[in-house]
């Protein structure tokens, strides 16, 4: 028997903007696009609902997401890897300063 060729999955890189539900993230993906008539570069943004099985991502993290089978009504993407972590130190410093005033 011949081995099946490995499927190529669509991947995107974006930033986690919300984490309100269990195992679900909202990831904003930005892309640059040229206007067809005026040739100006425009930044387009789209938000995807993403499945996070291990719940390791936090708001502000940069993640790589991949297309997968439908998990729920709106979730068709899952986290492949965490590319960059959000700066956690700044958040804890501002919270502690708020308690002093």
PDB file of N, CA and C in Angstrom:
ATOM      1  N   UNK A   1       0.818  -1.180   0.000  1.00  0.00           N
ATOM      2  CA  UNK A   1       0.000   0.000   0.000  1.00  0.00           C
ATOM      3  C   UNK A   1       0.867   1.252   0.000  1.00  0.00           C
ATOM      4  N   UNK A   2       0.376   2.248  -0.670  1.00  0.00           N
ATOM      5  CA  UNK A   2       1.092   3.517  -0.693  1.00  0.00           C
ATOM      6  C   UNK A   2       0.654   4.378   0.485  1.00  0.00           C
ATOM      7  N   UNK A   3       1.596   5.106   1.041  1.00  0.00           N
ATOM      8  CA  UNK A   3       1.281   6.004   2.145  1.00  0.00           C
ATOM      9  C   UNK A   3       0.588   7.251   1.606  1.00  0.00           C
ATOM     10  N   UNK A   4      -0.411   7.714   2.340  1.00  0.00           N
ATOM     11  CA  UNK A   4      -1.118   8.925   1.924  1.00  0.00           C
ATOM     12  C   UNK A   4      -0.213  10.128   2.130  1.00  0.00           C
ATOM     13  N   UNK A   5      -0.227  11.064   1.184  1.00  0.00           N
ATOM     14  CA  UNK A   5       0.575  12.269   1.396  1.00  0.00           C
ATOM     15  C   UNK A   5       0.009  13.089   2.550  1.00  0.00           C
ATOM     16  N   UNK A   6       0.893  13.736   3.300  1.00  0.00           N
ATOM     17  CA  UNK A   6       0.474  14.517   4.449  1.00  0.00           C
ATOM     18  C   UNK A   6      -0.303  15.753   3.994  1.00  0.00           C
ATOM     19  N   UNK A   7      -1.437  16.032   4.667  1.00  0.00           N
ATOM     20  CA  UNK A   7      -2.258  17.183   4.304  1.00  0.00           C
ATOM     21  C   UNK A   7      -1.580  18.468   4.750  1.00  0.00           C
ATOM     22  N   UNK A   8      -1.695  19.481   3.914  1.00  0.00           N
ATOM     23  CA  UNK A   8      -1.196  20.794   4.268  1.00  0.00           C
ATOM     24  C   UNK A   8      -2.313  21.563   4.949  1.00  0.00           C
ATOM     25  N   UNK A   9      -2.063  22.052   6.157  1.00  0.00           N
ATOM     26  CA  UNK A   9      -3.094  22.817   6.839  1.00  0.00           C
ATOM     27  C   UNK A   9      -2.775  24.308   6.742  1.00  0.00           C
ATOM     28  N   UNK A  10      -3.824  25.106   6.685  1.00  0.00           N
ATOM     29  CA  UNK A  10      -3.669  26.551   6.640  1.00  0.00           C
ATOM     30  C   UNK A  10      -3.296  27.042   8.032  1.00  0.00           C
ATOM     31  N   UNK A  11      -2.250  27.862   8.115  1.00  0.00           N
ATOM     32  CA  UNK A  11      -1.844  28.418   9.402  1.00  0.00           C
ATOM     33  C   UNK A  11      -1.846  29.937   9.325  1.00  0.00           C
ATOM     34  N   UNK A  12      -2.087  30.561  10.472  1.00  0.00           N
ATOM     35  CA  UNK A  12      -2.066  32.016  10.595  1.00  0.00           C
ATOM     36  C   UNK A  12      -1.429  32.366  11.933  1.00  0.00           C
ATOM     37  N   UNK A  13      -0.870  33.569  12.021  1.00  0.00           N
ATOM     38  CA  UNK A  13      -0.272  34.043  13.268  1.00  0.00           C
ATOM     39  C   UNK A  13      -1.051  35.266  13.715  1.00  0.00           C
ATOM     40  N   UNK A  14      -1.465  35.270  14.988  1.00  0.00           N
ATOM     41  CA  UNK A  14      -2.249  36.388  15.505  1.00  0.00           C
ATOM     42  C   UNK A  14      -2.048  36.576  16.993  1.00  0.00           C
ATOM     43  N   UNK A  15      -2.738  37.552  17.539  1.00  0.00           N
ATOM     44  CA  UNK A  15      -2.625  37.918  18.942  1.00  0.00           C
ATOM     45  C   UNK A  15      -3.916  37.563  19.669  1.00  0.00           C
ATOM     46  N   UNK A  16      -3.784  36.989  20.857  1.00  0.00           N
ATOM     47  CA  UNK A  16      -4.947  36.643  21.676  1.00  0.00           C
ATOM     48  C   UNK A  16      -5.526  37.933  22.242  1.00  0.00           C
ATOM     49  N   UNK A  17      -6.801  38.205  21.944  1.00  0.00           N
ATOM     50  CA  UNK A  17      -7.436  39.427  22.419  1.00  0.00           C
ATOM     51  C   UNK A  17      -8.453  39.167  23.529  1.00  0.00           C
ATOM     52  N   UNK A  18      -8.920  37.941  23.697  1.00  0.00           N
ATOM     53  CA  UNK A  18      -9.882  37.638  24.762  1.00  0.00           C
ATOM     54  C   UNK A  18      -9.810  36.164  25.126  1.00  0.00           C
ATOM     55  N   UNK A  19     -10.029  35.907  26.407  1.00  0.00           N
ATOM     56  CA  UNK A  19     -10.097  34.532  26.909  1.00  0.00           C
ATOM     57  C   UNK A  19     -11.184  34.508  27.966  1.00  0.00           C
ATOM     58  N   UNK A  20     -12.419  34.286  27.530  1.00  0.00           N
ATOM     59  CA  UNK A  20     -13.545  34.346  28.450  1.00  0.00           C
ATOM     60  C   UNK A  20     -14.198  32.990  28.677  1.00  0.00           C
ATOM     61  N   UNK A  21     -14.102  32.083  27.721  1.00  0.00           N
ATOM     62  CA  UNK A  21     -14.735  30.772  27.846  1.00  0.00           C
ATOM     63  C   UNK A  21     -13.684  29.711  28.093  1.00  0.00           C
ATOM     64  N   UNK A  22     -14.109  28.568  28.565  1.00  0.00           N
ATOM     65  CA  UNK A  22     -13.188  27.462  28.801  1.00  0.00           C
ATOM     66  C   UNK A  22     -12.700  26.913  27.461  1.00  0.00           C
ATOM     67  N   UNK A  23     -11.392  26.808  27.318  1.00  0.00           N
ATOM     68  CA  UNK A  23     -10.737  26.235  26.137  1.00  0.00           C
ATOM     69  C   UNK A  23     -11.037  26.990  24.844  1.00  0.00           C
ATOM     70  N   UNK A  24     -11.447  28.250  24.936  1.00  0.00           N
ATOM     71  CA  UNK A  24     -11.737  29.046  23.745  1.00  0.00           C
ATOM     72  C   UNK A  24     -11.037  30.392  23.847  1.00  0.00           C
ATOM     73  N   UNK A  25     -10.398  30.793  22.755  1.00  0.00           N
ATOM     74  CA  UNK A  25      -9.718  32.080  22.669  1.00  0.00           C
ATOM     75  C   UNK A  25     -10.275  32.871  21.500  1.00  0.00           C
ATOM     76  N   UNK A  26     -10.148  34.190  21.578  1.00  0.00           N
ATOM     77  CA  UNK A  26     -10.405  35.044  20.421  1.00  0.00           C
ATOM     78  C   UNK A  26      -9.056  35.554  19.963  1.00  0.00           C
ATOM     79  N   UNK A  27      -8.692  35.231  18.711  1.00  0.00           N
ATOM     80  CA  UNK A  27      -7.396  35.606  18.160  1.00  0.00           C
ATOM     81  C   UNK A  27      -7.615  36.571  17.003  1.00  0.00           C
ATOM     82  N   UNK A  28      -6.921  37.714  17.054  1.00  0.00           N
ATOM     83  CA  UNK A  28      -7.006  38.706  15.978  1.00  0.00           C
ATOM     84  C   UNK A  28      -5.814  38.537  15.055  1.00  0.00           C
ATOM     85  N   UNK A  29      -6.100  38.343  13.767  1.00  0.00           N
ATOM     86  CA  UNK A  29      -5.065  38.166  12.756  1.00  0.00           C
ATOM     87  C   UNK A  29      -5.074  39.401  11.854  1.00  0.00           C
ATOM     88  N   UNK A  30      -3.889  39.997  11.678  1.00  0.00           N
ATOM     89  CA  UNK A  30      -3.763  41.169  10.816  1.00  0.00           C
ATOM     90  C   UNK A  30      -3.046  40.780   9.531  1.00  0.00           C
ATOM     91  N   UNK A  31      -3.475  41.387   8.421  1.00  0.00           N
ATOM     92  CA  UNK A  31      -2.800  41.158   7.144  1.00  0.00           C
ATOM     93  C   UNK A  31      -2.767  42.474   6.388  1.00  0.00           C
ATOM     94  N   UNK A  32      -1.771  42.623   5.537  1.00  0.00           N
ATOM     95  CA  UNK A  32      -1.647  43.824   4.720  1.00  0.00           C
ATOM     96  C   UNK A  32      -2.158  43.535   3.319  1.00  0.00           C
ATOM     97  N   UNK A  33      -2.889  44.484   2.782  1.00  0.00           N
ATOM     98  CA  UNK A  33      -3.515  44.308   1.475  1.00  0.00           C
ATOM     99  C   UNK A  33      -3.411  45.623   0.703  1.00  0.00           C
ATOM    100  N   UNK A  34      -3.170  45.545  -0.585  1.00  0.00           N
ATOM    101  CA  UNK A  34      -3.109  46.750  -1.418  1.00  0.00           C
ATOM    102  C   UNK A  34      -4.497  47.094  -1.950  1.00  0.00           C
ATOM    103  N   UNK A  35      -4.829  48.379  -1.908  1.00  0.00           N
ATOM    104  CA  UNK A  35      -6.093  48.827  -2.486  1.00  0.00           C
ATOM    105  C   UNK A  35      -6.003  48.664  -4.004  1.00  0.00           C
ATOM    106  N   UNK A  36      -7.027  48.086  -4.646  1.00  0.00           N
ATOM    107  CA  UNK A  36      -6.916  47.790  -6.082  1.00  0.00           C
ATOM    108  C   UNK A  36      -6.783  49.032  -6.979  1.00  0.00           C
ATOM    109  N   UNK A  37      -7.378  50.140  -6.583  1.00  0.00           N
ATOM    110  CA  UNK A  37      -7.329  51.338  -7.415  1.00  0.00           C
ATOM    111  C   UNK A  37      -6.236  52.313  -6.973  1.00  0.00           C
ATOM    112  N   UNK A  38      -6.180  52.601  -5.678  1.00  0.00           N
ATOM    113  CA  UNK A  38      -5.275  53.637  -5.186  1.00  0.00           C
ATOM    114  C   UNK A  38      -3.911  53.109  -4.763  1.00  0.00           C
ATOM    115  N   UNK A  39      -3.743  51.804  -4.708  1.00  0.00           N
ATOM    116  CA  UNK A  39      -2.463  51.167  -4.396  1.00  0.00           C
ATOM    117  C   UNK A  39      -1.919  51.499  -3.013  1.00  0.00           C
ATOM    118  N   UNK A  40      -2.778  51.933  -2.113  1.00  0.00           N
ATOM    119  CA  UNK A  40      -2.348  52.190  -0.742  1.00  0.00           C
ATOM    120  C   UNK A  40      -2.421  50.886   0.049  1.00  0.00           C
ATOM    121  N   UNK A  41      -1.456  50.651   0.909  1.00  0.00           N
ATOM    122  CA  UNK A  41      -1.454  49.449   1.737  1.00  0.00           C
ATOM    123  C   UNK A  41      -2.419  49.648   2.895  1.00  0.00           C
ATOM    124  N   UNK A  42      -3.336  48.706   3.050  1.00  0.00           N
ATOM    125  CA  UNK A  42      -4.368  48.765   4.082  1.00  0.00           C
ATOM    126  C   UNK A  42      -4.173  47.594   5.025  1.00  0.00           C
ATOM    127  N   UNK A  43      -4.336  47.849   6.329  1.00  0.00           N
ATOM    128  CA  UNK A  43      -4.230  46.791   7.324  1.00  0.00           C
ATOM    129  C   UNK A  43      -5.629  46.228   7.580  1.00  0.00           C
ATOM    130  N   UNK A  44      -5.826  44.956   7.296  1.00  0.00           N
ATOM    131  CA  UNK A  44      -7.108  44.294   7.522  1.00  0.00           C
ATOM    132  C   UNK A  44      -6.994  43.401   8.754  1.00  0.00           C
ATOM    133  N   UNK A  45      -8.058  43.367   9.568  1.00  0.00           N
ATOM    134  CA  UNK A  45      -8.054  42.565  10.784  1.00  0.00           C
ATOM    135  C   UNK A  45      -9.255  41.638  10.783  1.00  0.00           C
ATOM    136  N   UNK A  46      -9.052  40.428  11.309  1.00  0.00           N
ATOM    137  CA  UNK A  46     -10.158  39.474  11.427  1.00  0.00           C
ATOM    138  C   UNK A  46      -9.975  38.717  12.733  1.00  0.00           C
ATOM    139  N   UNK A  47     -11.086  38.417  13.394  1.00  0.00           N
ATOM    140  CA  UNK A  47     -11.035  37.703  14.668  1.00  0.00           C
ATOM    141  C   UNK A  47     -11.547  36.278  14.451  1.00  0.00           C
ATOM    142  N   UNK A  48     -10.779  35.305  14.965  1.00  0.00           N
ATOM    143  CA  UNK A  48     -11.133  33.895  14.875  1.00  0.00           C
ATOM    144  C   UNK A  48     -11.359  33.349  16.274  1.00  0.00           C
ATOM    145  N   UNK A  49     -12.346  32.451  16.415  1.00  0.00           N
ATOM    146  CA  UNK A  49     -12.500  31.699  17.658  1.00  0.00           C
ATOM    147  C   UNK A  49     -11.633  30.458  17.538  1.00  0.00           C
ATOM    148  N   UNK A  50     -10.777  30.236  18.534  1.00  0.00           N
ATOM    149  CA  UNK A  50      -9.741  29.212  18.462  1.00  0.00           C
ATOM    150  C   UNK A  50      -9.853  28.284  19.656  1.00  0.00           C
ATOM    151  N   UNK A  51      -9.634  26.987  19.431  1.00  0.00           N
ATOM    152  CA  UNK A  51      -9.663  25.979  20.489  1.00  0.00           C
ATOM    153  C   UNK A  51      -8.283  25.867  21.130  1.00  0.00           C
ATOM    154  N   UNK A  52      -8.225  26.005  22.461  1.00  0.00           N
ATOM    155  CA  UNK A  52      -6.987  25.890  23.234  1.00  0.00           C
ATOM    156  C   UNK A  52      -7.151  24.732  24.206  1.00  0.00           C
ATOM    157  N   UNK A  53      -6.718  23.551  23.814  1.00  0.00           N
ATOM    158  CA  UNK A  53      -6.953  22.331  24.584  1.00  0.00           C
ATOM    159  C   UNK A  53      -6.335  22.388  25.975  1.00  0.00           C
ATOM    160  N   UNK A  54      -5.112  22.893  26.096  1.00  0.00           N
ATOM    161  CA  UNK A  54      -4.397  22.854  27.377  1.00  0.00           C
ATOM    162  C   UNK A  54      -4.528  24.146  28.176  1.00  0.00           C
ATOM    163  N   UNK A  55      -5.209  25.141  27.646  1.00  0.00           N
ATOM    164  CA  UNK A  55      -5.461  26.430  28.304  1.00  0.00           C
ATOM    165  C   UNK A  55      -4.175  27.087  28.803  1.00  0.00           C
ATOM    166  N   UNK A  56      -3.143  27.119  27.953  1.00  0.00           N
ATOM    167  CA  UNK A  56      -1.868  27.729  28.313  1.00  0.00           C
ATOM    168  C   UNK A  56      -1.765  29.183  27.852  1.00  0.00           C
ATOM    169  N   UNK A  57      -2.601  29.610  26.929  1.00  0.00           N
ATOM    170  CA  UNK A  57      -2.490  30.952  26.353  1.00  0.00           C
ATOM    171  C   UNK A  57      -3.136  31.985  27.266  1.00  0.00           C
ATOM    172  N   UNK A  58      -2.564  33.190  27.245  1.00  0.00           N
ATOM    173  CA  UNK A  58      -3.097  34.330  27.980  1.00  0.00           C
ATOM    174  C   UNK A  58      -3.351  35.467  26.996  1.00  0.00           C
ATOM    175  N   UNK A  59      -4.100  36.468  27.428  1.00  0.00           N
ATOM    176  CA  UNK A  59      -4.374  37.628  26.586  1.00  0.00           C
ATOM    177  C   UNK A  59      -3.058  38.343  26.294  1.00  0.00           C
ATOM    178  N   UNK A  60      -2.824  38.654  25.024  1.00  0.00           N
ATOM    179  CA  UNK A  60      -1.608  39.337  24.610  1.00  0.00           C
ATOM    180  C   UNK A  60      -0.573  38.420  23.992  1.00  0.00           C
ATOM    181  N   UNK A  61      -0.718  37.107  24.148  1.00  0.00           N
ATOM    182  CA  UNK A  61       0.229  36.162  23.553  1.00  0.00           C
ATOM    183  C   UNK A  61       0.093  36.161  22.033  1.00  0.00           C
ATOM    184  N   UNK A  62       1.202  35.924  21.360  1.00  0.00           N
ATOM    185  CA  UNK A  62       1.192  35.752  19.906  1.00  0.00           C
ATOM    186  C   UNK A  62       1.195  34.252  19.644  1.00  0.00           C
ATOM    187  N   UNK A  63       0.188  33.757  18.917  1.00  0.00           N
ATOM    188  CA  UNK A  63       0.030  32.315  18.712  1.00  0.00           C
ATOM    189  C   UNK A  63      -0.072  31.990  17.226  1.00  0.00           C
ATOM    190  N   UNK A  64       0.306  30.761  16.888  1.00  0.00           N
ATOM    191  CA  UNK A  64       0.098  30.243  15.540  1.00  0.00           C
ATOM    192  C   UNK A  64      -1.120  29.321  15.606  1.00  0.00           C
ATOM    193  N   UNK A  65      -2.086  29.565  14.716  1.00  0.00           N
ATOM    194  CA  UNK A  65      -3.299  28.755  14.705  1.00  0.00           C
ATOM    195  C   UNK A  65      -3.379  27.996  13.389  1.00  0.00           C
ATOM    196  N   UNK A  66      -4.025  26.827  13.436  1.00  0.00           N
ATOM    197  CA  UNK A  66      -4.175  26.009  12.248  1.00  0.00           C
ATOM    198  C   UNK A  66      -5.622  25.605  12.050  1.00  0.00           C
ATOM    199  N   UNK A  67      -5.985  25.435  10.804  1.00  0.00           N
ATOM    200  CA  UNK A  67      -7.355  25.053  10.464  1.00  0.00           C
ATOM    201  C   UNK A  67      -7.584  23.595  10.846  1.00  0.00           C
ATOM    202  N   UNK A  68      -8.782  23.294  11.331  1.00  0.00           N
ATOM    203  CA  UNK A  68      -9.113  21.936  11.748  1.00  0.00           C
ATOM    204  C   UNK A  68     -10.591  21.670  11.470  1.00  0.00           C
ATOM    205  N   UNK A  69     -11.034  20.485  11.831  1.00  0.00           N
ATOM    206  CA  UNK A  69     -12.448  20.151  11.640  1.00  0.00           C
ATOM    207  C   UNK A  69     -13.298  21.041  12.543  1.00  0.00           C
ATOM    208  N   UNK A  70     -14.592  21.195  12.250  1.00  0.00           N
ATOM    209  CA  UNK A  70     -15.435  22.023  13.109  1.00  0.00           C
ATOM    210  C   UNK A  70     -15.530  21.446  14.518  1.00  0.00           C
ATOM    211  N   UNK A  71     -15.211  22.267  15.506  1.00  0.00           N
ATOM    212  CA  UNK A  71     -15.268  21.851  16.902  1.00  0.00           C
ATOM    213  C   UNK A  71     -16.590  22.289  17.515  1.00  0.00           C
ATOM    214  N   UNK A  72     -17.070  23.453  17.124  1.00  0.00           N
ATOM    215  CA  UNK A  72     -18.383  23.928  17.543  1.00  0.00           C
ATOM    216  C   UNK A  72     -18.952  24.759  16.401  1.00  0.00           C
ATOM    217  N   UNK A  73     -19.993  25.523  16.691  1.00  0.00           N
ATOM    218  CA  UNK A  73     -20.652  26.278  15.626  1.00  0.00           C
ATOM    219  C   UNK A  73     -19.721  27.294  14.967  1.00  0.00           C
ATOM    220  N   UNK A  74     -18.845  27.926  15.747  1.00  0.00           N
ATOM    221  CA  UNK A  74     -17.972  28.950  15.200  1.00  0.00           C
ATOM    222  C   UNK A  74     -16.487  28.614  15.269  1.00  0.00           C
ATOM    223  N   UNK A  75     -16.119  27.553  15.983  1.00  0.00           N
ATOM    224  CA  UNK A  75     -14.695  27.217  16.136  1.00  0.00           C
ATOM    225  C   UNK A  75     -14.260  26.233  15.059  1.00  0.00           C
ATOM    226  N   UNK A  76     -13.304  26.674  14.220  1.00  0.00           N
ATOM    227  CA  UNK A  76     -12.722  25.813  13.186  1.00  0.00           C
ATOM    228  C   UNK A  76     -11.205  25.921  13.179  1.00  0.00           C
ATOM    229  N   UNK A  77     -10.617  26.494  14.231  1.00  0.00           N
ATOM    230  CA  UNK A  77      -9.176  26.698  14.338  1.00  0.00           C
ATOM    231  C   UNK A  77      -8.714  26.189  15.686  1.00  0.00           C
ATOM    232  N   UNK A  78      -7.438  25.799  15.788  1.00  0.00           N
ATOM    233  CA  UNK A  78      -6.868  25.371  17.060  1.00  0.00           C
ATOM    234  C   UNK A  78      -5.464  25.950  17.199  1.00  0.00           C
ATOM    235  N   UNK A  79      -5.000  26.060  18.429  1.00  0.00           N
ATOM    236  CA  UNK A  79      -3.670  26.595  18.692  1.00  0.00           C
ATOM    237  C   UNK A  79      -2.637  25.530  18.343  1.00  0.00           C
ATOM    238  N   UNK A  80      -1.668  25.885  17.491  1.00  0.00           N
ATOM    239  CA  UNK A  80      -0.577  24.971  17.155  1.00  0.00           C
ATOM    240  C   UNK A  80       0.595  25.210  18.091  1.00  0.00           C
ATOM    241  N   UNK A  81       0.978  26.489  18.256  1.00  0.00           N
ATOM    242  CA  UNK A  81       2.064  26.802  19.179  1.00  0.00           C
ATOM    243  C   UNK A  81       1.968  28.252  19.622  1.00  0.00           C
ATOM    244  N   UNK A  82       2.596  28.537  20.770  1.00  0.00           N
ATOM    245  CA  UNK A  82       2.685  29.900  21.276  1.00  0.00           C
ATOM    246  C   UNK A  82       3.991  30.475  20.752  1.00  0.00           C
ATOM    247  N   UNK A  83       3.899  31.503  19.914  1.00  0.00           N
ATOM    248  CA  UNK A  83       5.079  32.089  19.278  1.00  0.00           C
ATOM    249  C   UNK A  83       5.751  33.072  20.220  1.00  0.00           C
ATOM    250  N   UNK A  84       4.979  33.936  20.872  1.00  0.00           N
ATOM    251  CA  UNK A  84       5.537  34.932  21.790  1.00  0.00           C
ATOM    252  C   UNK A  84       4.622  35.119  22.982  1.00  0.00           C
ATOM    253  N   UNK A  85       5.224  35.320  24.150  1.00  0.00           N
ATOM    254  CA  UNK A  85       4.444  35.514  25.368  1.00  0.00           C
ATOM    255  C   UNK A  85       4.218  36.995  25.620  1.00  0.00           C
ATOM    256  N   UNK A  86       3.068  37.314  26.224  1.00  0.00           N
ATOM    257  CA  UNK A  86       2.795  38.697  26.617  1.00  0.00           C
ATOM    258  C   UNK A  86       3.635  39.014  27.841  1.00  0.00           C
ATOM    259  N   UNK A  87       3.947  40.287  28.024  1.00  0.00           N
ATOM    260  CA  UNK A  87       4.770  40.671  29.181  1.00  0.00           C
ATOM    261  C   UNK A  87       3.900  40.645  30.432  1.00  0.00           C
ATOM    262  N   UNK A  88       4.103  39.647  31.270  1.00  0.00           N
ATOM    263  CA  UNK A  88       3.316  39.469  32.495  1.00  0.00           C
ATOM    264  C   UNK A  88       3.791  40.422  33.607  1.00  0.00           C
ATOM    265  N   UNK A  89       5.071  40.844  33.599  1.00  0.00           N
ATOM    266  CA  UNK A  89       5.620  41.672  34.661  1.00  0.00           C
ATOM    267  C   UNK A  89       4.938  43.033  34.701  1.00  0.00           C
ATOM    268  N   UNK A  90       4.659  43.614  33.542  1.00  0.00           N
ATOM    269  CA  UNK A  90       4.049  44.945  33.477  1.00  0.00           C
ATOM    270  C   UNK A  90       2.652  44.903  34.081  1.00  0.00           C
ATOM    271  N   UNK A  91       1.902  43.856  33.798  1.00  0.00           N
ATOM    272  CA  UNK A  91       0.545  43.742  34.328  1.00  0.00           C
ATOM    273  C   UNK A  91       0.558  43.643  35.843  1.00  0.00           C
ATOM    274  N   UNK A  92       1.471  42.865  36.432  1.00  0.00           N
ATOM    275  CA  UNK A  92       1.504  42.697  37.881  1.00  0.00           C
ATOM    276  C   UNK A  92       1.978  43.977  38.570  1.00  0.00           C
ATOM    277  N   UNK A  93       2.905  44.737  37.947  1.00  0.00           N
ATOM    278  CA  UNK A  93       3.364  45.984  38.528  1.00  0.00           C
ATOM    279  C   UNK A  93       2.250  47.020  38.572  1.00  0.00           C
ATOM    280  N   UNK A  94       1.477  47.136  37.506  1.00  0.00           N
ATOM    281  CA  UNK A  94       0.404  48.134  37.488  1.00  0.00           C
ATOM    282  C   UNK A  94      -0.695  47.771  38.477  1.00  0.00           C
ATOM    283  N   UNK A  95      -0.960  46.498  38.686  1.00  0.00           N
ATOM    284  CA  UNK A  95      -1.971  46.089  39.664  1.00  0.00           C
ATOM    285  C   UNK A  95      -1.510  46.396  41.078  1.00  0.00           C
ATOM    286  N   UNK A  96      -0.230  46.165  41.381  1.00  0.00           N
ATOM    287  CA  UNK A  96       0.268  46.433  42.722  1.00  0.00           C
ATOM    288  C   UNK A  96       0.348  47.926  42.993  1.00  0.00           C
ATOM    289  N   UNK A  97       0.661  48.757  41.984  1.00  0.00           N
ATOM    290  CA  UNK A  97       0.696  50.207  42.155  1.00  0.00           C
ATOM    291  C   UNK A  97      -0.704  50.752  42.398  1.00  0.00           C
ATOM    292  N   UNK A  98      -1.704  50.172  41.781  1.00  0.00           N
ATOM    293  CA  UNK A  98      -3.076  50.625  41.965  1.00  0.00           C
ATOM    294  C   UNK A  98      -3.548  50.446  43.403  1.00  0.00           C
ATOM    295  N   UNK A  99      -3.030  49.466  44.116  1.00  0.00           N
ATOM    296  CA  UNK A  99      -3.422  49.241  45.504  1.00  0.00           C
ATOM    297  C   UNK A  99      -2.801  50.242  46.454  1.00  0.00           C
ATOM    298  N   UNK A 100      -1.697  50.888  46.085  1.00  0.00           N
ATOM    299  CA  UNK A 100      -1.008  51.824  46.973  1.00  0.00           C
ATOM    300  C   UNK A 100      -1.666  53.195  47.013  1.00  0.00           C
ATOM    301  N   UNK A 101      -2.331  53.597  45.942  1.00  0.00           N
ATOM    302  CA  UNK A 101      -2.895  54.949  45.912  1.00  0.00           C
ATOM    303  C   UNK A 101      -4.251  55.035  46.542  1.00  0.00           C
TER     304      UNK A 101
END
